[in-house]
Protein backbone atom coordinates (compact mmCIF):
# COMPACT_ATOMS: atom_id res chain seq x y z
CA MET A 1 12.95 -9.97 26.29
CA LYS A 2 9.87 -8.12 27.50
CA VAL A 3 7.92 -5.24 26.02
CA HIS A 4 7.52 -2.84 28.94
CA TYR A 5 5.67 -0.10 27.06
CA LEU A 6 3.90 -0.16 23.72
CA GLU A 7 3.44 3.33 22.31
CA ILE A 8 0.97 4.13 19.56
CA VAL A 9 1.24 7.58 17.97
CA THR A 10 -1.89 8.47 16.00
CA PRO A 11 -4.05 11.48 15.21
CA SER A 12 -7.06 9.31 16.28
CA VAL A 13 -6.27 8.90 19.98
CA ASP A 14 -9.77 8.48 21.41
CA ALA A 15 -10.99 6.15 18.66
CA THR A 16 -7.85 4.00 19.00
CA CYS A 17 -8.29 3.81 22.78
CA ASP A 18 -11.95 2.87 22.36
CA VAL A 19 -11.17 0.02 19.94
CA LEU A 20 -8.33 -1.34 22.10
CA ALA A 21 -10.41 -1.09 25.28
CA GLU A 22 -13.31 -2.99 23.75
CA ALA A 23 -11.19 -5.62 21.99
CA HIS A 24 -8.78 -6.29 24.87
CA GLY A 25 -10.67 -5.35 28.02
CA VAL A 26 -8.24 -2.64 29.13
CA VAL A 27 -9.10 0.72 30.67
CA PHE A 28 -7.35 3.87 29.44
CA GLY A 29 -6.83 6.75 31.84
CA GLU A 30 -6.57 10.47 31.30
CA PRO A 31 -3.56 11.92 29.41
CA ILE A 32 -0.24 11.82 31.28
CA ALA A 33 2.05 14.79 30.60
CA GLU A 34 5.27 12.83 31.25
CA PHE A 35 4.26 10.39 28.50
CA GLY A 36 3.64 13.05 25.86
CA ASN A 37 -0.01 13.29 26.96
CA ALA A 38 -0.56 9.63 26.17
CA ARG A 39 -3.62 7.91 27.52
CA THR A 40 -2.30 4.69 29.06
CA ALA A 41 -3.67 1.34 30.17
CA LYS A 42 -2.01 -1.31 32.35
CA LEU A 43 -1.58 -4.75 30.82
CA LYS A 44 -1.95 -8.09 32.62
CA ASP A 45 1.78 -8.85 32.31
CA GLY A 46 2.75 -5.65 34.13
CA GLY A 47 3.48 -3.67 30.97
CA ARG A 48 1.61 -0.66 29.71
CA ILE A 49 0.17 0.56 26.42
CA GLY A 50 -0.04 4.25 25.59
CA VAL A 51 -1.82 6.11 22.82
CA ARG A 52 -0.92 9.70 22.04
CA ALA A 53 -1.15 12.27 19.28
CA PRO A 54 1.95 13.36 17.35
CA MET A 55 3.91 15.92 19.39
CA ARG A 56 5.22 17.82 16.39
CA GLU A 57 4.10 18.40 12.83
CA THR A 58 6.82 16.11 11.42
CA GLU A 59 6.04 13.14 13.71
CA LYS A 60 4.35 10.39 11.75
CA PRO A 61 2.01 7.74 13.16
CA VAL A 62 3.99 4.83 14.53
CA VAL A 63 3.72 1.79 16.79
CA ARG A 64 6.87 1.65 18.92
CA PRO A 65 7.63 -1.13 21.42
CA TYR A 66 9.97 -0.26 24.29
CA LEU A 67 11.96 -3.30 25.39
CA LEU A 68 12.96 -3.58 29.02
CA VAL A 69 16.76 -3.51 29.53
CA ASP A 70 18.99 -3.71 32.60
CA ASP A 71 21.48 -1.06 31.40
CA ILE A 72 20.06 1.52 29.01
CA GLU A 73 23.42 3.23 28.41
CA ALA A 74 25.02 -0.06 27.33
CA ALA A 75 22.02 -0.95 25.16
CA VAL A 76 22.18 2.42 23.37
CA LYS A 77 25.92 2.02 22.79
CA SER A 78 25.31 -1.45 21.35
CA ALA A 79 22.66 -0.05 18.99
CA GLU A 80 25.01 2.74 17.88
CA LYS A 81 27.77 0.20 17.26
CA ALA A 82 25.36 -1.68 14.99
CA GLY A 83 24.77 1.51 12.98
CA ALA A 84 21.66 2.88 14.71
CA GLU A 85 20.87 6.59 14.87
CA VAL A 86 19.91 7.67 18.38
CA ALA A 87 16.74 9.75 18.08
CA ILE A 88 16.32 10.31 21.83
CA PRO A 89 19.25 9.59 24.16
CA PRO A 90 18.46 8.04 27.53
CA MET A 91 16.03 10.33 29.34
CA LYS A 92 14.58 9.89 32.82
CA ILE A 93 10.87 10.17 33.54
CA PRO A 94 10.42 10.85 37.26
CA GLY A 95 9.07 7.77 39.00
CA GLN A 96 8.97 5.72 35.77
CA GLY A 97 12.60 4.93 34.88
CA ALA A 98 14.45 5.97 31.73
CA PHE A 99 13.74 5.53 28.03
CA SER A 100 15.56 5.97 24.75
CA ILE A 101 14.66 5.70 21.06
CA TYR A 102 16.94 4.66 18.23
CA ILE A 103 16.36 4.11 14.52
CA LEU A 104 17.89 1.17 12.71
CA GLY A 105 16.95 0.01 9.24
CA GLY A 106 14.17 2.60 9.08
CA ILE A 107 12.45 1.12 12.17
CA GLU A 108 12.07 3.02 15.45
CA HIS A 109 13.03 0.99 18.52
CA GLY A 110 12.46 1.93 22.14
CA LEU A 111 14.40 0.94 25.24
CA TRP A 112 13.23 1.21 28.84
CA GLN A 113 15.11 0.79 32.11
CA LEU A 114 13.34 0.72 35.46
């Protein structure tokens, strides 16, 4: 199991990026529209971390790992079978793969397929 993308949703985007950059030696770029205007940084293991502001008034701050999967459709079906609510069905991001979000036990989980 590998975390491909770690998403942090916070109203304090720049301050969060500054702390992470200093503590972990990563460099955050400019906001990327396809990632909800997240500022992202590449990690040594090939993954990425992104920090963005809430995209709607009802979105609460959250830290959401996206686990890399071989078959996102099958992984979503497995989550649904276990009782998960699919918050975002599999969605492609041009040039980045596909992602999905499900909620199980009150926790938001992300999936990512390259």
